Amino acid sequence: MVKDTVLRQIGNSAGITIPKEILGRLHVQNGDKIHLVETETGVLMTPYDPDFEATMVAYAEGAAMYRNALRELAK
């Protein structure tokens, strides 16, 4: 889907208006945080934190290393 929007002056910054159907598909609403990720082909707008996967990998490594300690703490 391709939708056009206009970049507008908002104070010292700029902003865009996102069509309602796109907001619905992203499951976001006013006040929600979104992430803009630069890619080789442009900018990706997503409600999902791009660093989350790396954080979960680090957690999995730590959880495996300290499995016994975490089991004891969970009691």
PDB file of N, CA and C in Angstrom:
ATOM      1  N   MET A   1       0.837  -1.172   0.000  1.00  0.00           N
ATOM      2  CA  MET A   1       0.000   0.000   0.000  1.00  0.00           C
ATOM      3  C   MET A   1       0.883   1.237   0.000  1.00  0.00           C
ATOM      4  N   VAL A   2       0.553   2.173  -0.843  1.00  0.00           N
ATOM      5  CA  VAL A   2       1.292   3.433  -0.927  1.00  0.00           C
ATOM      6  C   VAL A   2       0.334   4.559  -0.589  1.00  0.00           C
ATOM      7  N   LYS A   3       0.701   5.366   0.372  1.00  0.00           N
ATOM      8  CA  LYS A   3      -0.076   6.547   0.752  1.00  0.00           C
ATOM      9  C   LYS A   3       0.869   7.748   0.766  1.00  0.00           C
ATOM     10  N   ASP A   4       0.406   8.858   0.262  1.00  0.00           N
ATOM     11  CA  ASP A   4       1.189  10.093   0.290  1.00  0.00           C
ATOM     12  C   ASP A   4       0.776  10.922   1.496  1.00  0.00           C
ATOM     13  N   THR A   5       1.732  11.642   2.056  1.00  0.00           N
ATOM     14  CA  THR A   5       1.465  12.563   3.149  1.00  0.00           C
ATOM     15  C   THR A   5       2.377  13.767   2.980  1.00  0.00           C
ATOM     16  N   VAL A   6       2.122  14.821   3.715  1.00  0.00           N
ATOM     17  CA  VAL A   6       2.872  16.066   3.575  1.00  0.00           C
ATOM     18  C   VAL A   6       3.650  16.328   4.861  1.00  0.00           C
ATOM     19  N   LEU A   7       4.901  16.709   4.713  1.00  0.00           N
ATOM     20  CA  LEU A   7       5.733  17.098   5.840  1.00  0.00           C
ATOM     21  C   LEU A   7       5.340  18.512   6.242  1.00  0.00           C
ATOM     22  N   ARG A   8       5.026  18.714   7.528  1.00  0.00           N
ATOM     23  CA  ARG A   8       4.559  20.016   8.013  1.00  0.00           C
ATOM     24  C   ARG A   8       5.453  20.532   9.144  1.00  0.00           C
ATOM     25  N   GLN A   9       5.567  21.848   9.225  1.00  0.00           N
ATOM     26  CA  GLN A   9       6.326  22.508  10.291  1.00  0.00           C
ATOM     27  C   GLN A   9       5.546  22.396  11.598  1.00  0.00           C
ATOM     28  N   ILE A  10       6.222  21.917  12.665  1.00  0.00           N
ATOM     29  CA  ILE A  10       5.643  21.850  14.003  1.00  0.00           C
ATOM     30  C   ILE A  10       6.685  22.432  14.950  1.00  0.00           C
ATOM     31  N   GLY A  11       6.562  23.705  15.254  1.00  0.00           N
ATOM     32  CA  GLY A  11       7.586  24.374  16.065  1.00  0.00           C
ATOM     33  C   GLY A  11       8.900  24.379  15.314  1.00  0.00           C
ATOM     34  N   ASN A  12       9.968  23.889  15.959  1.00  0.00           N
ATOM     35  CA  ASN A  12      11.279  23.799  15.314  1.00  0.00           C
ATOM     36  C   ASN A  12      11.498  22.444  14.655  1.00  0.00           C
ATOM     37  N   SER A  13      10.468  21.597  14.650  1.00  0.00           N
ATOM     38  CA  SER A  13      10.565  20.262  14.069  1.00  0.00           C
ATOM     39  C   SER A  13       9.624  20.146  12.881  1.00  0.00           C
ATOM     40  N   ALA A  14       9.521  18.938  12.368  1.00  0.00           N
ATOM     41  CA  ALA A  14       8.591  18.656  11.276  1.00  0.00           C
ATOM     42  C   ALA A  14       7.802  17.414  11.636  1.00  0.00           C
ATOM     43  N   GLY A  15       6.610  17.283  11.073  1.00  0.00           N
ATOM     44  CA  GLY A  15       5.781  16.125  11.364  1.00  0.00           C
ATOM     45  C   GLY A  15       4.976  15.724  10.147  1.00  0.00           C
ATOM     46  N   ILE A  16       4.403  14.530  10.208  1.00  0.00           N
ATOM     47  CA  ILE A  16       3.548  14.040   9.135  1.00  0.00           C
ATOM     48  C   ILE A  16       2.212  13.598   9.721  1.00  0.00           C
ATOM     49  N   THR A  17       1.210  13.535   8.881  1.00  0.00           N
ATOM     50  CA  THR A  17      -0.088  13.008   9.260  1.00  0.00           C
ATOM     51  C   THR A  17      -0.162  11.581   8.722  1.00  0.00           C
ATOM     52  N   ILE A  18      -0.502  10.625   9.597  1.00  0.00           N
ATOM     53  CA  ILE A  18      -0.576   9.221   9.195  1.00  0.00           C
ATOM     54  C   ILE A  18      -2.049   8.855   9.036  1.00  0.00           C
ATOM     55  N   PRO A  19      -2.431   8.313   7.883  1.00  0.00           N
ATOM     56  CA  PRO A  19      -3.831   7.949   7.670  1.00  0.00           C
ATOM     57  C   PRO A  19      -4.348   6.956   8.714  1.00  0.00           C
ATOM     58  N   LYS A  20      -5.636   7.088   9.049  1.00  0.00           N
ATOM     59  CA  LYS A  20      -6.266   6.282  10.092  1.00  0.00           C
ATOM     60  C   LYS A  20      -6.138   4.782   9.832  1.00  0.00           C
ATOM     61  N   GLU A  21      -6.293   4.338   8.564  1.00  0.00           N
ATOM     62  CA  GLU A  21      -6.211   2.903   8.285  1.00  0.00           C
ATOM     63  C   GLU A  21      -4.812   2.338   8.527  1.00  0.00           C
ATOM     64  N   ILE A  22      -3.785   3.147   8.322  1.00  0.00           N
ATOM     65  CA  ILE A  22      -2.418   2.696   8.611  1.00  0.00           C
ATOM     66  C   ILE A  22      -2.206   2.620  10.121  1.00  0.00           C
ATOM     67  N   LEU A  23      -2.713   3.603  10.860  1.00  0.00           N
ATOM     68  CA  LEU A  23      -2.616   3.555  12.321  1.00  0.00           C
ATOM     69  C   LEU A  23      -3.297   2.305  12.859  1.00  0.00           C
ATOM     70  N   GLY A  24      -4.443   1.962  12.288  1.00  0.00           N
ATOM     71  CA  GLY A  24      -5.163   0.765  12.714  1.00  0.00           C
ATOM     72  C   GLY A  24      -4.376  -0.500  12.448  1.00  0.00           C
ATOM     73  N   ARG A  25      -3.735  -0.581  11.285  1.00  0.00           N
ATOM     74  CA  ARG A  25      -2.938  -1.767  10.960  1.00  0.00           C
ATOM     75  C   ARG A  25      -1.708  -1.891  11.858  1.00  0.00           C
ATOM     76  N   LEU A  26      -1.138  -0.756  12.251  1.00  0.00           N
ATOM     77  CA  LEU A  26       0.018  -0.768  13.155  1.00  0.00           C
ATOM     78  C   LEU A  26      -0.388  -0.952  14.615  1.00  0.00           C
ATOM     79  N   HIS A  27      -1.694  -0.856  14.894  1.00  0.00           N
ATOM     80  CA  HIS A  27      -2.215  -0.942  16.259  1.00  0.00           C
ATOM     81  C   HIS A  27      -1.596   0.136  17.155  1.00  0.00           C
ATOM     82  N   VAL A  28      -1.557   1.361  16.637  1.00  0.00           N
ATOM     83  CA  VAL A  28      -1.060   2.501  17.407  1.00  0.00           C
ATOM     84  C   VAL A  28      -2.132   3.584  17.436  1.00  0.00           C
ATOM     85  N   GLN A  29      -2.003   4.466  18.405  1.00  0.00           N
ATOM     86  CA  GLN A  29      -2.917   5.590  18.531  1.00  0.00           C
ATOM     87  C   GLN A  29      -2.145   6.802  19.027  1.00  0.00           C
ATOM     88  N   ASN A  30      -2.817   7.925  19.154  1.00  0.00           N
ATOM     89  CA  ASN A  30      -2.156   9.148  19.611  1.00  0.00           C
ATOM     90  C   ASN A  30      -1.429   8.909  20.927  1.00  0.00           C
ATOM     91  N   GLY A  31      -0.192   9.377  20.996  1.00  0.00           N
ATOM     92  CA  GLY A  31       0.598   9.251  22.214  1.00  0.00           C
ATOM     93  C   GLY A  31       1.483   8.017  22.256  1.00  0.00           C
ATOM     94  N   ASP A  32       1.257   7.037  21.362  1.00  0.00           N
ATOM     95  CA  ASP A  32       2.092   5.837  21.346  1.00  0.00           C
ATOM     96  C   ASP A  32       3.470   6.170  20.768  1.00  0.00           C
ATOM     97  N   LYS A  33       4.475   5.435  21.212  1.00  0.00           N
ATOM     98  CA  LYS A  33       5.831   5.620  20.725  1.00  0.00           C
ATOM     99  C   LYS A  33       6.032   4.753  19.488  1.00  0.00           C
ATOM    100  N   ILE A  34       6.613   5.321  18.440  1.00  0.00           N
ATOM    101  CA  ILE A  34       6.975   4.543  17.262  1.00  0.00           C
ATOM    102  C   ILE A  34       8.465   4.732  17.005  1.00  0.00           C
ATOM    103  N   HIS A  35       9.031   3.819  16.268  1.00  0.00           N
ATOM    104  CA  HIS A  35      10.463   3.851  15.970  1.00  0.00           C
ATOM    105  C   HIS A  35      10.656   4.064  14.481  1.00  0.00           C
ATOM    106  N   LEU A  36      11.581   4.930  14.118  1.00  0.00           N
ATOM    107  CA  LEU A  36      11.954   5.153  12.730  1.00  0.00           C
ATOM    108  C   LEU A  36      13.328   4.541  12.527  1.00  0.00           C
ATOM    109  N   VAL A  37      13.420   3.593  11.592  1.00  0.00           N
ATOM    110  CA  VAL A  37      14.663   2.876  11.355  1.00  0.00           C
ATOM    111  C   VAL A  37      15.115   3.156   9.925  1.00  0.00           C
ATOM    112  N   GLU A  38      16.321   3.695   9.772  1.00  0.00           N
ATOM    113  CA  GLU A  38      16.851   3.925   8.428  1.00  0.00           C
ATOM    114  C   GLU A  38      17.286   2.599   7.828  1.00  0.00           C
ATOM    115  N   THR A  39      16.845   2.335   6.590  1.00  0.00           N
ATOM    116  CA  THR A  39      17.238   1.133   5.865  1.00  0.00           C
ATOM    117  C   THR A  39      17.911   1.557   4.564  1.00  0.00           C
ATOM    118  N   GLU A  40      18.389   0.586   3.808  1.00  0.00           N
ATOM    119  CA  GLU A  40      19.032   0.904   2.529  1.00  0.00           C
ATOM    120  C   GLU A  40      18.051   1.513   1.541  1.00  0.00           C
ATOM    121  N   THR A  41      16.776   1.168   1.671  1.00  0.00           N
ATOM    122  CA  THR A  41      15.774   1.628   0.707  1.00  0.00           C
ATOM    123  C   THR A  41      14.919   2.786   1.208  1.00  0.00           C
ATOM    124  N   GLY A  42      15.102   3.214   2.454  1.00  0.00           N
ATOM    125  CA  GLY A  42      14.306   4.316   2.978  1.00  0.00           C
ATOM    126  C   GLY A  42      14.213   4.270   4.482  1.00  0.00           C
ATOM    127  N   VAL A  43      13.049   4.647   5.002  1.00  0.00           N
ATOM    128  CA  VAL A  43      12.825   4.683   6.449  1.00  0.00           C
ATOM    129  C   VAL A  43      11.672   3.748   6.789  1.00  0.00           C
ATOM    130  N   LEU A  44      11.882   2.887   7.771  1.00  0.00           N
ATOM    131  CA  LEU A  44      10.866   1.966   8.253  1.00  0.00           C
ATOM    132  C   LEU A  44      10.257   2.555   9.515  1.00  0.00           C
ATOM    133  N   MET A  45       8.930   2.628   9.570  1.00  0.00           N
ATOM    134  CA  MET A  45       8.217   3.107  10.752  1.00  0.00           C
ATOM    135  C   MET A  45       7.565   1.896  11.407  1.00  0.00           C
ATOM    136  N   THR A  46       7.870   1.660  12.680  1.00  0.00           N
ATOM    137  CA  THR A  46       7.346   0.485  13.361  1.00  0.00           C
ATOM    138  C   THR A  46       7.060   0.787  14.826  1.00  0.00           C
ATOM    139  N   PRO A  47       6.025   0.156  15.406  1.00  0.00           N
ATOM    140  CA  PRO A  47       5.770   0.321  16.834  1.00  0.00           C
ATOM    141  C   PRO A  47       6.654  -0.603  17.678  1.00  0.00           C
ATOM    142  N   TYR A  48       7.390  -1.491  17.024  1.00  0.00           N
ATOM    143  CA  TYR A  48       8.213  -2.472  17.737  1.00  0.00           C
ATOM    144  C   TYR A  48       9.644  -1.987  17.883  1.00  0.00           C
ATOM    145  N   ASP A  49      10.194  -2.132  19.081  1.00  0.00           N
ATOM    146  CA  ASP A  49      11.549  -1.678  19.378  1.00  0.00           C
ATOM    147  C   ASP A  49      12.545  -2.545  18.616  1.00  0.00           C
ATOM    148  N   PRO A  50      13.353  -1.958  17.728  1.00  0.00           N
ATOM    149  CA  PRO A  50      14.300  -2.755  16.954  1.00  0.00           C
ATOM    150  C   PRO A  50      15.414  -3.372  17.800  1.00  0.00           C
ATOM    151  N   ASP A  51      15.657  -2.857  19.000  1.00  0.00           N
ATOM    152  CA  ASP A  51      16.696  -3.407  19.872  1.00  0.00           C
ATOM    153  C   ASP A  51      16.168  -4.528  20.760  1.00  0.00           C
ATOM    154  N   PHE A  52      14.878  -4.801  20.723  1.00  0.00           N
ATOM    155  CA  PHE A  52      14.277  -5.797  21.602  1.00  0.00           C
ATOM    156  C   PHE A  52      14.851  -7.189  21.364  1.00  0.00           C
ATOM    157  N   GLU A  53      15.035  -7.573  20.103  1.00  0.00           N
ATOM    158  CA  GLU A  53      15.555  -8.909  19.799  1.00  0.00           C
ATOM    159  C   GLU A  53      16.956  -9.097  20.377  1.00  0.00           C
ATOM    160  N   ALA A  54      17.805  -8.091  20.235  1.00  0.00           N
ATOM    161  CA  ALA A  54      19.157  -8.184  20.791  1.00  0.00           C
ATOM    162  C   ALA A  54      19.103  -8.302  22.314  1.00  0.00           C
ATOM    163  N   THR A  55      18.178  -7.590  22.939  1.00  0.00           N
ATOM    164  CA  THR A  55      18.008  -7.671  24.384  1.00  0.00           C
ATOM    165  C   THR A  55      17.579  -9.066  24.805  1.00  0.00           C
ATOM    166  N   MET A  56      16.666  -9.668  24.063  1.00  0.00           N
ATOM    167  CA  MET A  56      16.200 -11.014  24.388  1.00  0.00           C
ATOM    168  C   MET A  56      17.295 -12.061  24.194  1.00  0.00           C
ATOM    169  N   VAL A  57      18.155 -11.877  23.190  1.00  0.00           N
ATOM    170  CA  VAL A  57      19.286 -12.793  22.991  1.00  0.00           C
ATOM    171  C   VAL A  57      20.229 -12.710  24.184  1.00  0.00           C
ATOM    172  N   ALA A  58      20.511 -11.496  24.645  1.00  0.00           N
ATOM    173  CA  ALA A  58      21.382 -11.318  25.811  1.00  0.00           C
ATOM    174  C   ALA A  58      20.758 -11.964  27.035  1.00  0.00           C
ATOM    175  N   TYR A  59      19.430 -11.803  27.217  1.00  0.00           N
ATOM    176  CA  TYR A  59      18.745 -12.435  28.341  1.00  0.00           C
ATOM    177  C   TYR A  59      18.861 -13.953  28.268  1.00  0.00           C
ATOM    178  N   ALA A  60      18.638 -14.531  27.092  1.00  0.00           N
ATOM    179  CA  ALA A  60      18.680 -15.988  26.939  1.00  0.00           C
ATOM    180  C   ALA A  60      20.058 -16.527  27.282  1.00  0.00           C
ATOM    181  N   GLU A  61      21.096 -15.827  26.880  1.00  0.00           N
ATOM    182  CA  GLU A  61      22.462 -16.262  27.217  1.00  0.00           C
ATOM    183  C   GLU A  61      22.694 -16.204  28.721  1.00  0.00           C
ATOM    184  N   GLY A  62      22.256 -15.120  29.361  1.00  0.00           N
ATOM    185  CA  GLY A  62      22.416 -14.986  30.807  1.00  0.00           C
ATOM    186  C   GLY A  62      21.579 -16.003  31.567  1.00  0.00           C
ATOM    187  N   ALA A  63      20.358 -16.249  31.087  1.00  0.00           N
ATOM    188  CA  ALA A  63      19.480 -17.213  31.746  1.00  0.00           C
ATOM    189  C   ALA A  63      20.055 -18.619  31.663  1.00  0.00           C
ATOM    190  N   ALA A  64      20.674 -18.954  30.533  1.00  0.00           N
ATOM    191  CA  ALA A  64      21.284 -20.282  30.394  1.00  0.00           C
ATOM    192  C   ALA A  64      22.491 -20.413  31.319  1.00  0.00           C
ATOM    193  N   MET A  65      23.276 -19.348  31.406  1.00  0.00           N
ATOM    194  CA  MET A  65      24.483 -19.385  32.228  1.00  0.00           C
ATOM    195  C   MET A  65      24.151 -19.471  33.717  1.00  0.00           C
ATOM    196  N   TYR A  66      23.101 -18.782  34.144  1.00  0.00           N
ATOM    197  CA  TYR A  66      22.751 -18.719  35.562  1.00  0.00           C
ATOM    198  C   TYR A  66      21.435 -19.448  35.854  1.00  0.00           C
ATOM    199  N   ARG A  67      21.176 -20.529  35.117  1.00  0.00           N
ATOM    200  CA  ARG A  67      19.930 -21.282  35.252  1.00  0.00           C
ATOM    201  C   ARG A  67      19.670 -21.711  36.690  1.00  0.00           C
ATOM    202  N   ASN A  68      20.681 -22.265  37.364  1.00  0.00           N
ATOM    203  CA  ASN A  68      20.493 -22.744  38.737  1.00  0.00           C
ATOM    204  C   ASN A  68      20.191 -21.600  39.710  1.00  0.00           C
ATOM    205  N   ALA A  69      20.902 -20.493  39.536  1.00  0.00           N
ATOM    206  CA  ALA A  69      20.670 -19.342  40.436  1.00  0.00           C
ATOM    207  C   ALA A  69      19.263 -18.781  40.213  1.00  0.00           C
ATOM    208  N   LEU A  70      18.824 -18.695  38.964  1.00  0.00           N
ATOM    209  CA  LEU A  70      17.480 -18.186  38.685  1.00  0.00           C
ATOM    210  C   LEU A  70      16.412 -19.118  39.232  1.00  0.00           C
ATOM    211  N   ARG A  71      16.647 -20.415  39.171  1.00  0.00           N
ATOM    212  CA  ARG A  71      15.696 -21.388  39.720  1.00  0.00           C
ATOM    213  C   ARG A  71      15.571 -21.181  41.228  1.00  0.00           C
ATOM    214  N   GLU A  72      16.689 -20.957  41.924  1.00  0.00           N
ATOM    215  CA  GLU A  72      16.657 -20.747  43.362  1.00  0.00           C
ATOM    216  C   GLU A  72      15.955 -19.425  43.711  1.00  0.00           C
ATOM    217  N   LEU A  73      16.192 -18.401  42.932  1.00  0.00           N
ATOM    218  CA  LEU A  73      15.555 -17.113  43.194  1.00  0.00           C
ATOM    219  C   LEU A  73      14.046 -17.170  42.962  1.00  0.00           C
ATOM    220  N   ALA A  74      13.605 -18.051  42.086  1.00  0.00           N
ATOM    221  CA  ALA A  74      12.181 -18.153  41.769  1.00  0.00           C
ATOM    222  C   ALA A  74      11.386 -18.845  42.873  1.00  0.00           C
ATOM    223  N   LYS A  75      12.047 -19.489  43.803  1.00  0.00           N
ATOM    224  CA  LYS A  75      11.336 -20.212  44.889  1.00  0.00           C
ATOM    225  C   LYS A  75      10.703 -19.258  45.851  1.00  0.00           C
TER     226      LYS A  75
END
